[in-house]
Amino acid sequence: MSVLLDATDKSRRTLRLAVVTAALGVAGMFTAAFTFAGQEAQASEAGPAAVASAER
């Protein structure tokens, strides 16, 4: 804990920004996971690569 006591205000702000950014990233990933969890993971129609390989 003495490392934080010796830290300057600028380094504390940088650390706080990094922690908040990481927390928001994790929250965003969980939000996306719960948003798309109830939906099918397949495309509604075939893309150009699938059509090209099916024609061969």
C-alpha atoms as a PDB file:
ATOM      1  CA  MET A   1       0.000   0.000   0.000  1.00  0.00           C
ATOM      2  CA  SER A   2       2.987   2.304   0.471  1.00  0.00           C
ATOM      3  CA  VAL A   3       3.410   2.381  -3.302  1.00  0.00           C
ATOM      4  CA  LEU A   4       0.123   4.263  -3.631  1.00  0.00           C
ATOM      5  CA  LEU A   5       1.130   6.675  -0.874  1.00  0.00           C
ATOM      6  CA  ASP A   6       4.336   7.532  -2.750  1.00  0.00           C
ATOM      7  CA  ALA A   7       2.530   7.965  -6.091  1.00  0.00           C
ATOM      8  CA  THR A   8       2.004  11.398  -7.554  1.00  0.00           C
ATOM      9  CA  ASP A   9      -1.419  12.813  -8.361  1.00  0.00           C
ATOM     10  CA  LYS A  10      -0.806  12.367 -12.088  1.00  0.00           C
ATOM     11  CA  SER A  11       0.040   8.678 -11.735  1.00  0.00           C
ATOM     12  CA  ARG A  12      -3.016   8.141  -9.519  1.00  0.00           C
ATOM     13  CA  ARG A  13      -5.225   9.735 -12.170  1.00  0.00           C
ATOM     14  CA  THR A  14      -3.647   7.553 -14.842  1.00  0.00           C
ATOM     15  CA  LEU A  15      -4.187   4.428 -12.747  1.00  0.00           C
ATOM     16  CA  ARG A  16      -7.781   5.434 -11.979  1.00  0.00           C
ATOM     17  CA  LEU A  17      -8.442   6.022 -15.690  1.00  0.00           C
ATOM     18  CA  ALA A  18      -6.979   2.621 -16.573  1.00  0.00           C
ATOM     19  CA  VAL A  19      -9.089   0.851 -13.942  1.00  0.00           C
ATOM     20  CA  VAL A  20     -12.289   2.634 -14.994  1.00  0.00           C
ATOM     21  CA  THR A  21     -11.572   1.868 -18.667  1.00  0.00           C
ATOM     22  CA  ALA A  22     -11.000  -1.810 -17.901  1.00  0.00           C
ATOM     23  CA  ALA A  23     -14.174  -1.991 -15.814  1.00  0.00           C
ATOM     24  CA  LEU A  24     -16.233  -0.381 -18.587  1.00  0.00           C
ATOM     25  CA  GLY A  25     -14.743  -2.804 -21.108  1.00  0.00           C
ATOM     26  CA  VAL A  26     -15.706  -5.797 -18.987  1.00  0.00           C
ATOM     27  CA  ALA A  27     -19.189  -4.384 -18.441  1.00  0.00           C
ATOM     28  CA  GLY A  28     -19.518  -3.858 -22.189  1.00  0.00           C
ATOM     29  CA  MET A  29     -18.518  -7.442 -22.932  1.00  0.00           C
ATOM     30  CA  PHE A  30     -21.077  -8.785 -20.461  1.00  0.00           C
ATOM     31  CA  THR A  31     -23.726  -6.488 -21.922  1.00  0.00           C
ATOM     32  CA  ALA A  32     -22.995  -7.763 -25.423  1.00  0.00           C
ATOM     33  CA  ALA A  33     -22.986 -11.365 -24.228  1.00  0.00           C
ATOM     34  CA  PHE A  34     -26.388 -11.019 -22.551  1.00  0.00           C
ATOM     35  CA  THR A  35     -27.786  -9.052 -25.512  1.00  0.00           C
ATOM     36  CA  PHE A  36     -26.923 -11.703 -28.078  1.00  0.00           C
ATOM     37  CA  ALA A  37     -27.347 -14.771 -25.849  1.00  0.00           C
ATOM     38  CA  GLY A  38     -30.995 -15.288 -26.773  1.00  0.00           C
ATOM     39  CA  GLN A  39     -30.523 -14.912 -30.513  1.00  0.00           C
ATOM     40  CA  GLU A  40     -29.403 -17.400 -33.120  1.00  0.00           C
ATOM     41  CA  ALA A  41     -25.727 -17.234 -34.000  1.00  0.00           C
ATOM     42  CA  GLN A  42     -26.291 -17.807 -37.715  1.00  0.00           C
ATOM     43  CA  ALA A  43     -26.663 -15.261 -40.477  1.00  0.00           C
ATOM     44  CA  SER A  44     -30.129 -14.835 -41.938  1.00  0.00           C
ATOM     45  CA  GLU A  45     -28.832 -15.271 -45.487  1.00  0.00           C
ATOM     46  CA  ALA A  46     -25.662 -16.621 -47.050  1.00  0.00           C
ATOM     47  CA  GLY A  47     -22.826 -14.171 -47.618  1.00  0.00           C
ATOM     48  CA  PRO A  48     -20.823 -13.870 -50.853  1.00  0.00           C
ATOM     49  CA  ALA A  49     -18.115 -16.313 -49.738  1.00  0.00           C
ATOM     50  CA  ALA A  50     -20.670 -19.003 -48.916  1.00  0.00           C
ATOM     51  CA  VAL A  51     -22.414 -18.524 -52.258  1.00  0.00           C
ATOM     52  CA  ALA A  52     -19.120 -18.709 -54.184  1.00  0.00           C
ATOM     53  CA  SER A  53     -18.062 -21.923 -52.462  1.00  0.00           C
ATOM     54  CA  ALA A  54     -21.507 -23.478 -53.015  1.00  0.00           C
ATOM     55  CA  GLU A  55     -21.308 -22.812 -56.757  1.00  0.00           C
ATOM     56  CA  ARG A  56     -18.101 -24.835 -57.170  1.00  0.00           C
END
